[in-house]
Amino acid sequence: MTDYQFHPEAETEHLDTVAYYESQQRGLGSLYLSEFEDVMEQVCSILPDWHRIFINQ
């Protein structure tokens, strides 16, 4: 699991989104959540490089 934190209001909105998709079609909320976590893993993996490249010039 990638290490990131939600702002409390963003977490509520995120969980509402998962619930909405699940209410539209069984399994869709889980699919959305899986895709979201994959993207967050990619984003978090490049953040150290971004910091090194742009902040420490």
Foldseek 3Di string as FASTA:
>chain_A
DDDDDDDVVVVVVLVVVLVVLCVVDPPRSVVVVVVVVVVVVVVRVCVVVCCCVPVVD
